[in-house]
């Protein structure tokens, strides 16, 4: 009888220890979920801040002057972030400042252009910008 009561006490102690461990894991999981959500929110805000430099230019039928300004913004971004390739943006396939300058020179201020962007699926950052001449209609005054 004495052995049976000791066995019950040991079994009760083991069950109690398992319950305490499970409770600790549940509290940890509940505490880490808001931290993970906050980290995701910060990453999203960082992507929005990065993209905000380029977003005003991403539109259809924009002026050549605006497109030239976009080339300047992309070149400045790439020079600033030269050490981090994940922050580099290619514009019409160019990422180097000299190549961007060459492509910028080909943009005519009197023409209209369509500007589109590609976004990274993992970070949400703009990775590539494509500039194409808008439509085939050729009537326009430029600014």
N, C-alpha and C. Protein backbone atom coordinates (compact mmCIF):
# COMPACT_ATOMS: atom_id res chain seq x y z
N UNK A 1 0.81 -1.18 0.00
CA UNK A 1 0.00 0.00 0.00
C UNK A 1 0.86 1.26 0.00
N UNK A 2 1.96 1.18 0.74
CA UNK A 2 2.84 2.31 0.84
C UNK A 2 3.47 2.62 -0.52
N UNK A 3 3.83 1.60 -1.30
CA UNK A 3 4.41 1.81 -2.63
C UNK A 3 3.39 2.42 -3.59
N UNK A 4 2.14 2.00 -3.47
CA UNK A 4 1.09 2.52 -4.34
C UNK A 4 0.87 4.01 -4.10
N UNK A 5 0.88 4.43 -2.87
CA UNK A 5 0.67 5.85 -2.56
C UNK A 5 1.86 6.69 -3.05
N UNK A 6 3.08 6.15 -2.93
CA UNK A 6 4.25 6.87 -3.44
C UNK A 6 4.18 6.98 -4.96
N UNK A 7 3.72 5.92 -5.62
CA UNK A 7 3.59 5.94 -7.08
C UNK A 7 2.57 6.98 -7.52
N UNK A 8 1.46 7.09 -6.79
CA UNK A 8 0.45 8.09 -7.11
C UNK A 8 1.00 9.51 -6.90
N UNK A 9 1.78 9.71 -5.87
CA UNK A 9 2.37 11.03 -5.60
C UNK A 9 3.35 11.39 -6.73
N UNK A 10 4.17 10.43 -7.15
CA UNK A 10 5.13 10.67 -8.24
C UNK A 10 4.38 10.96 -9.54
N UNK A 11 3.33 10.19 -9.84
CA UNK A 11 2.55 10.41 -11.06
C UNK A 11 1.89 11.78 -11.02
N UNK A 12 1.37 12.18 -9.89
CA UNK A 12 0.76 13.50 -9.75
C UNK A 12 1.77 14.61 -9.96
N UNK A 13 2.99 14.41 -9.44
CA UNK A 13 4.05 15.41 -9.61
C UNK A 13 4.45 15.53 -11.08
N UNK A 14 4.50 14.40 -11.79
CA UNK A 14 4.85 14.42 -13.21
C UNK A 14 3.77 15.14 -14.01
N UNK A 15 2.51 14.85 -13.74
CA UNK A 15 1.40 15.51 -14.45
C UNK A 15 1.42 17.01 -14.17
N UNK A 16 1.67 17.38 -12.93
CA UNK A 16 1.74 18.80 -12.58
C UNK A 16 2.89 19.48 -13.31
N UNK A 17 4.05 18.83 -13.42
CA UNK A 17 5.19 19.40 -14.14
C UNK A 17 4.85 19.58 -15.62
N UNK A 18 4.18 18.61 -16.22
CA UNK A 18 3.79 18.71 -17.63
C UNK A 18 2.81 19.86 -17.83
N UNK A 19 1.87 20.03 -16.93
CA UNK A 19 0.92 21.14 -17.02
C UNK A 19 1.62 22.49 -16.91
N UNK A 20 2.59 22.59 -16.02
CA UNK A 20 3.32 23.85 -15.86
C UNK A 20 4.11 24.18 -17.13
N UNK A 21 4.75 23.15 -17.72
CA UNK A 21 5.50 23.36 -18.95
C UNK A 21 4.56 23.77 -20.09
N UNK A 22 3.42 23.12 -20.21
CA UNK A 22 2.45 23.45 -21.26
C UNK A 22 1.93 24.88 -21.08
N UNK A 23 1.67 25.27 -19.85
CA UNK A 23 1.21 26.62 -19.57
C UNK A 23 2.28 27.64 -19.96
N UNK A 24 3.52 27.35 -19.64
CA UNK A 24 4.62 28.23 -20.00
C UNK A 24 4.76 28.39 -21.51
N UNK A 25 4.60 27.28 -22.24
CA UNK A 25 4.69 27.35 -23.71
C UNK A 25 3.53 28.16 -24.28
N UNK A 26 2.34 28.00 -23.72
CA UNK A 26 1.18 28.76 -24.20
C UNK A 26 1.38 30.25 -23.98
N UNK A 27 1.88 30.62 -22.81
CA UNK A 27 2.14 32.04 -22.52
C UNK A 27 3.21 32.59 -23.47
N UNK A 28 4.25 31.81 -23.71
CA UNK A 28 5.31 32.24 -24.62
C UNK A 28 4.76 32.46 -26.02
N UNK A 29 3.94 31.53 -26.53
CA UNK A 29 3.37 31.67 -27.86
C UNK A 29 2.46 32.89 -27.96
N UNK A 30 1.68 33.14 -26.93
CA UNK A 30 0.79 34.31 -26.94
C UNK A 30 1.61 35.60 -26.91
N UNK A 31 2.72 35.60 -26.20
CA UNK A 31 3.56 36.80 -26.11
C UNK A 31 4.35 37.03 -27.39
N UNK A 32 4.73 35.98 -28.09
CA UNK A 32 5.55 36.16 -29.29
C UNK A 32 4.73 36.54 -30.52
N UNK A 33 3.43 36.24 -30.52
CA UNK A 33 2.60 36.57 -31.68
C UNK A 33 2.52 38.07 -31.92
N UNK A 34 2.26 38.91 -30.93
CA UNK A 34 2.26 40.36 -31.19
C UNK A 34 3.62 40.88 -31.65
N UNK A 35 4.70 40.28 -31.14
CA UNK A 35 6.04 40.70 -31.57
C UNK A 35 6.24 40.38 -33.05
N UNK A 36 5.77 39.22 -33.49
CA UNK A 36 5.89 38.85 -34.90
C UNK A 36 5.04 39.77 -35.77
N UNK A 37 3.85 40.11 -35.30
CA UNK A 37 2.98 41.01 -36.05
C UNK A 37 3.62 42.40 -36.15
N UNK A 38 4.23 42.84 -35.06
CA UNK A 38 4.89 44.15 -35.07
C UNK A 38 6.07 44.15 -36.05
N UNK A 39 6.83 43.06 -36.08
CA UNK A 39 7.96 42.98 -37.02
C UNK A 39 7.45 43.00 -38.45
N UNK A 40 6.36 42.31 -38.74
CA UNK A 40 5.78 42.33 -40.08
C UNK A 40 5.29 43.72 -40.45
N UNK A 41 4.73 44.42 -39.51
CA UNK A 41 4.25 45.78 -39.74
C UNK A 41 5.42 46.72 -40.04
N UNK A 42 6.51 46.56 -39.32
CA UNK A 42 7.69 47.40 -39.53
C UNK A 42 8.26 47.14 -40.92
N UNK A 43 8.32 45.87 -41.33
CA UNK A 43 8.83 45.54 -42.67
C UNK A 43 7.93 46.16 -43.75
N UNK A 44 6.64 46.10 -43.53
CA UNK A 44 5.70 46.68 -44.49
C UNK A 44 5.88 48.19 -44.58
N UNK A 45 6.06 48.84 -43.46
CA UNK A 45 6.27 50.29 -43.45
C UNK A 45 7.59 50.66 -44.11
N UNK A 46 8.60 49.83 -43.94
CA UNK A 46 9.90 50.09 -44.58
C UNK A 46 9.76 50.00 -46.10
N UNK A 47 9.00 49.01 -46.56
CA UNK A 47 8.78 48.87 -48.01
C UNK A 47 8.00 50.06 -48.55
N UNK A 48 6.99 50.50 -47.81
CA UNK A 48 6.22 51.67 -48.24
C UNK A 48 7.09 52.92 -48.30
N UNK A 49 7.96 53.09 -47.32
CA UNK A 49 8.84 54.26 -47.30
C UNK A 49 9.82 54.20 -48.48
N UNK A 50 10.36 53.02 -48.75
CA UNK A 50 11.29 52.87 -49.88
C UNK A 50 10.57 53.16 -51.19
N UNK A 51 9.40 52.57 -51.38
CA UNK A 51 8.65 52.72 -52.63
C UNK A 51 8.11 54.12 -52.82
N UNK A 52 7.92 54.87 -51.75
CA UNK A 52 7.31 56.20 -51.85
C UNK A 52 8.15 57.16 -52.70
N UNK A 53 9.45 56.88 -52.82
CA UNK A 53 10.30 57.73 -53.67
C UNK A 53 9.93 57.58 -55.14
N UNK A 54 9.45 56.40 -55.51
CA UNK A 54 9.19 56.09 -56.91
C UNK A 54 7.72 56.14 -57.29
N UNK A 55 6.84 55.90 -56.33
CA UNK A 55 5.40 55.80 -56.60
C UNK A 55 4.80 56.97 -57.36
N UNK A 56 5.19 58.22 -57.10
CA UNK A 56 4.57 59.32 -57.85
C UNK A 56 4.82 59.25 -59.36
N UNK A 57 5.84 58.53 -59.77
CA UNK A 57 6.19 58.45 -61.19
C UNK A 57 5.58 57.23 -61.88
N UNK A 58 5.09 56.28 -61.11
CA UNK A 58 4.57 55.02 -61.68
C UNK A 58 3.14 55.27 -62.14
N UNK A 59 3.01 55.63 -63.41
CA UNK A 59 1.69 55.88 -63.97
C UNK A 59 1.77 55.88 -65.49
N UNK A 60 0.62 55.85 -66.10
CA UNK A 60 0.54 55.85 -67.56
C UNK A 60 0.47 57.29 -68.07
N UNK A 61 0.97 57.47 -69.27
CA UNK A 61 0.85 58.74 -69.99
C UNK A 61 1.43 59.90 -69.19
N UNK A 62 2.66 59.73 -68.75
CA UNK A 62 3.32 60.79 -67.99
C UNK A 62 4.30 61.55 -68.90
N UNK A 63 4.66 62.72 -68.52
CA UNK A 63 5.49 63.57 -69.36
C UNK A 63 6.94 63.09 -69.37
N UNK A 64 7.65 63.46 -70.41
CA UNK A 64 9.07 63.13 -70.51
C UNK A 64 9.88 63.77 -69.40
N UNK A 65 9.50 64.97 -69.00
CA UNK A 65 10.21 65.66 -67.91
C UNK A 65 10.09 64.88 -66.61
N UNK A 66 8.90 64.37 -66.35
CA UNK A 66 8.67 63.58 -65.14
C UNK A 66 9.49 62.29 -65.19
N UNK A 67 9.55 61.68 -66.36
CA UNK A 67 10.32 60.45 -66.51
C UNK A 67 11.80 60.72 -66.30
N UNK A 68 12.28 61.85 -66.80
CA UNK A 68 13.69 62.21 -66.59
C UNK A 68 13.97 62.38 -65.09
N UNK A 69 13.02 62.97 -64.37
CA UNK A 69 13.17 63.11 -62.92
C UNK A 69 13.23 61.74 -62.26
N UNK A 70 12.41 60.81 -62.75
CA UNK A 70 12.43 59.45 -62.21
C UNK A 70 13.81 58.82 -62.40
N UNK A 71 14.41 58.99 -63.56
CA UNK A 71 15.76 58.46 -63.78
C UNK A 71 16.73 59.02 -62.75
N UNK A 72 16.60 60.32 -62.44
CA UNK A 72 17.47 60.94 -61.44
C UNK A 72 17.26 60.32 -60.06
N UNK A 73 16.00 60.07 -59.72
CA UNK A 73 15.68 59.48 -58.41
C UNK A 73 16.25 58.07 -58.32
N UNK A 74 16.10 57.30 -59.37
CA UNK A 74 16.62 55.92 -59.38
C UNK A 74 18.15 55.94 -59.29
N UNK A 75 18.79 56.81 -60.06
CA UNK A 75 20.25 56.89 -60.01
C UNK A 75 20.72 57.25 -58.60
N UNK A 76 20.08 58.24 -57.98
CA UNK A 76 20.46 58.65 -56.62
C UNK A 76 20.24 57.50 -55.62
N UNK A 77 19.13 56.78 -55.76
CA UNK A 77 18.87 55.63 -54.89
C UNK A 77 19.97 54.59 -55.03
N UNK A 78 20.34 54.29 -56.27
CA UNK A 78 21.34 53.24 -56.50
C UNK A 78 22.73 53.66 -56.02
N UNK A 79 23.06 54.92 -56.14
CA UNK A 79 24.35 55.41 -55.65
C UNK A 79 24.37 55.33 -54.12
N UNK A 80 23.26 55.74 -53.50
CA UNK A 80 23.16 55.72 -52.04
C UNK A 80 23.22 54.29 -51.49
N UNK A 81 22.60 53.35 -52.18
CA UNK A 81 22.49 51.97 -51.70
C UNK A 81 23.42 51.02 -52.45
N UNK A 82 24.55 51.51 -52.93
CA UNK A 82 25.46 50.69 -53.72
C UNK A 82 25.96 49.46 -52.95
N UNK A 83 26.06 49.56 -51.65
CA UNK A 83 26.56 48.44 -50.85
C UNK A 83 25.52 47.35 -50.62
N UNK A 84 24.26 47.63 -50.87
CA UNK A 84 23.18 46.66 -50.63
C UNK A 84 22.40 46.44 -51.92
N UNK A 85 22.72 45.34 -52.61
CA UNK A 85 22.09 45.07 -53.91
C UNK A 85 20.58 44.88 -53.81
N UNK A 86 20.08 44.47 -52.65
CA UNK A 86 18.63 44.28 -52.51
C UNK A 86 17.87 45.60 -52.58
N UNK A 87 18.56 46.71 -52.39
CA UNK A 87 17.93 48.03 -52.43
C UNK A 87 18.11 48.71 -53.78
N UNK A 88 18.78 48.04 -54.71
CA UNK A 88 19.02 48.62 -56.03
C UNK A 88 17.76 48.46 -56.89
N UNK A 89 17.49 49.46 -57.70
CA UNK A 89 16.34 49.44 -58.60
C UNK A 89 16.88 49.56 -60.02
N UNK A 90 16.43 48.66 -60.89
CA UNK A 90 16.85 48.78 -62.28
C UNK A 90 15.77 49.56 -63.03
N UNK A 91 16.20 50.40 -63.94
CA UNK A 91 15.26 51.16 -64.77
C UNK A 91 15.62 50.87 -66.22
N UNK A 92 14.71 50.25 -66.90
CA UNK A 92 14.94 49.78 -68.27
C UNK A 92 16.20 48.92 -68.35
N UNK A 93 16.43 48.11 -67.33
CA UNK A 93 17.55 47.18 -67.31
C UNK A 93 18.86 47.77 -66.81
N UNK A 94 18.89 49.04 -66.49
CA UNK A 94 20.13 49.68 -66.05
C UNK A 94 20.11 49.93 -64.55
N UNK A 95 21.25 49.64 -63.90
CA UNK A 95 21.39 49.96 -62.48
C UNK A 95 22.59 50.87 -62.22
N UNK A 96 23.57 50.83 -63.09
CA UNK A 96 24.77 51.67 -62.92
C UNK A 96 24.44 53.11 -63.32
N UNK A 97 25.04 54.05 -62.63
CA UNK A 97 24.76 55.47 -62.86
C UNK A 97 25.03 55.88 -64.30
N UNK A 98 26.12 55.41 -64.88
CA UNK A 98 26.45 55.79 -66.26
C UNK A 98 25.39 55.27 -67.25
N UNK A 99 24.94 54.03 -67.03
CA UNK A 99 23.91 53.46 -67.91
C UNK A 99 22.59 54.19 -67.75
N UNK A 100 22.26 54.56 -66.52
CA UNK A 100 21.02 55.30 -66.27
C UNK A 100 21.09 56.67 -66.95
N UNK A 101 22.23 57.32 -66.89
CA UNK A 101 22.39 58.63 -67.55
C UNK A 101 22.21 58.51 -69.05
N UNK A 102 22.75 57.45 -69.63
CA UNK A 102 22.62 57.23 -71.07
C UNK A 102 21.15 57.05 -71.46
N UNK A 103 20.43 56.23 -70.69
CA UNK A 103 19.01 55.99 -70.98
C UNK A 103 18.19 57.26 -70.73
N UNK A 104 18.56 58.03 -69.72
CA UNK A 104 17.85 59.28 -69.42
C UNK A 104 17.97 60.26 -70.58
N UNK A 105 19.14 60.30 -71.20
CA UNK A 105 19.37 61.23 -72.30
C UNK A 105 18.47 60.92 -73.50
N UNK A 106 18.04 59.66 -73.61
CA UNK A 106 17.18 59.27 -74.73
C UNK A 106 15.71 59.66 -74.51
N UNK A 107 15.36 60.07 -73.32
CA UNK A 107 13.98 60.45 -73.02
C UNK A 107 13.75 61.87 -73.55
N UNK A 108 12.70 62.02 -74.34
CA UNK A 108 12.38 63.32 -74.93
C UNK A 108 11.29 63.99 -74.10
N UNK A 109 11.52 65.22 -73.72
CA UNK A 109 10.58 65.93 -72.85
C UNK A 109 9.24 66.18 -73.53
N UNK A 110 9.20 66.23 -74.82
CA UNK A 110 7.94 66.50 -75.53
C UNK A 110 7.08 65.27 -75.74
N UNK A 111 7.56 64.10 -75.35
CA UNK A 111 6.79 62.87 -75.54
C UNK A 111 6.15 62.44 -74.24
N UNK A 112 5.23 61.48 -74.34
CA UNK A 112 4.56 60.92 -73.17
C UNK A 112 5.02 59.47 -73.03
N UNK A 113 5.07 59.01 -71.79
CA UNK A 113 5.59 57.68 -71.50
C UNK A 113 4.70 56.97 -70.48
N UNK A 114 4.72 55.63 -70.58
CA UNK A 114 4.06 54.78 -69.59
C UNK A 114 5.14 54.20 -68.69
N UNK A 115 4.94 54.31 -67.39
CA UNK A 115 5.93 53.84 -66.42
C UNK A 115 5.29 52.76 -65.56
N UNK A 116 5.90 51.58 -65.53
CA UNK A 116 5.39 50.47 -64.72
C UNK A 116 6.50 49.98 -63.80
N UNK A 117 6.10 49.32 -62.71
CA UNK A 117 7.08 48.84 -61.73
C UNK A 117 6.84 47.38 -61.43
N UNK A 118 7.92 46.70 -61.07
CA UNK A 118 7.87 45.32 -60.60
C UNK A 118 8.27 45.33 -59.13
N UNK A 119 7.56 44.53 -58.34
CA UNK A 119 7.80 44.49 -56.90
C UNK A 119 8.34 43.13 -56.50
N UNK A 120 9.20 43.10 -55.51
CA UNK A 120 9.72 41.85 -54.97
C UNK A 120 8.60 41.15 -54.21
N UNK A 121 8.41 39.87 -54.47
CA UNK A 121 7.36 39.14 -53.76
C UNK A 121 7.73 38.89 -52.31
N UNK A 122 9.02 38.89 -51.99
CA UNK A 122 9.43 38.62 -50.61
C UNK A 122 9.48 39.88 -49.75
N UNK A 123 9.91 41.01 -50.33
CA UNK A 123 10.08 42.22 -49.51
C UNK A 123 9.04 43.29 -49.80
N UNK A 124 8.45 43.27 -50.98
CA UNK A 124 7.51 44.31 -51.37
C UNK A 124 8.18 45.55 -51.93
N UNK A 125 9.50 45.55 -52.02
CA UNK A 125 10.24 46.68 -52.56
C UNK A 125 10.15 46.69 -54.09
N UNK A 126 10.18 47.87 -54.67
CA UNK A 126 10.27 47.98 -56.12
C UNK A 126 11.66 47.51 -56.53
N UNK A 127 11.70 46.60 -57.51
CA UNK A 127 12.99 46.08 -57.97
C UNK A 127 13.32 46.53 -59.39
N UNK A 128 12.30 46.79 -60.20
CA UNK A 128 12.55 47.17 -61.59
C UNK A 128 11.47 48.13 -62.06
N UNK A 129 11.86 49.07 -62.87
CA UNK A 129 10.94 50.04 -63.46
C UNK A 129 11.14 49.98 -64.96
N UNK A 130 10.02 49.97 -65.68
CA UNK A 130 10.07 49.94 -67.13
C UNK A 130 9.40 51.19 -67.68
N UNK A 131 10.07 51.84 -68.62
CA UNK A 131 9.55 53.04 -69.25
C UNK A 131 9.35 52.73 -70.73
N UNK A 132 8.12 52.93 -71.21
CA UNK A 132 7.84 52.72 -72.64
C UNK A 132 7.12 53.96 -73.17
N UNK A 133 7.31 54.23 -74.42
CA UNK A 133 6.64 55.37 -75.03
C UNK A 133 5.14 55.10 -75.04
N UNK A 134 4.37 56.10 -74.64
CA UNK A 134 2.91 55.94 -74.51
C UNK A 134 2.27 55.88 -75.89
N UNK A 135 1.39 54.89 -76.07
CA UNK A 135 0.56 54.78 -77.26
C UNK A 135 1.26 55.11 -78.57
N UNK A 136 0.52 55.00 -79.63
CA UNK A 136 1.11 55.32 -80.93
C UNK A 136 0.61 56.65 -81.44
N UNK A 137 -0.29 57.31 -80.66
CA UNK A 137 -0.78 58.62 -81.09
C UNK A 137 0.33 59.64 -80.88
N UNK A 138 0.53 60.51 -81.86
CA UNK A 138 1.64 61.45 -81.75
C UNK A 138 1.15 62.88 -81.82
N UNK A 139 0.28 63.22 -80.92
CA UNK A 139 -0.11 64.62 -80.90
C UNK A 139 0.12 65.13 -79.51
N UNK A 140 1.02 65.99 -79.35
CA UNK A 140 1.17 66.41 -77.97
C UNK A 140 2.14 67.54 -77.84
N UNK A 141 1.83 68.32 -76.91
CA UNK A 141 2.78 69.35 -76.55
C UNK A 141 3.47 68.85 -75.32
N UNK A 142 4.70 69.09 -75.19
CA UNK A 142 5.43 68.58 -74.04
C UNK A 142 5.69 69.67 -73.05
N UNK A 143 6.04 69.24 -71.88
CA UNK A 143 6.44 70.21 -70.88
C UNK A 143 7.79 69.89 -70.36
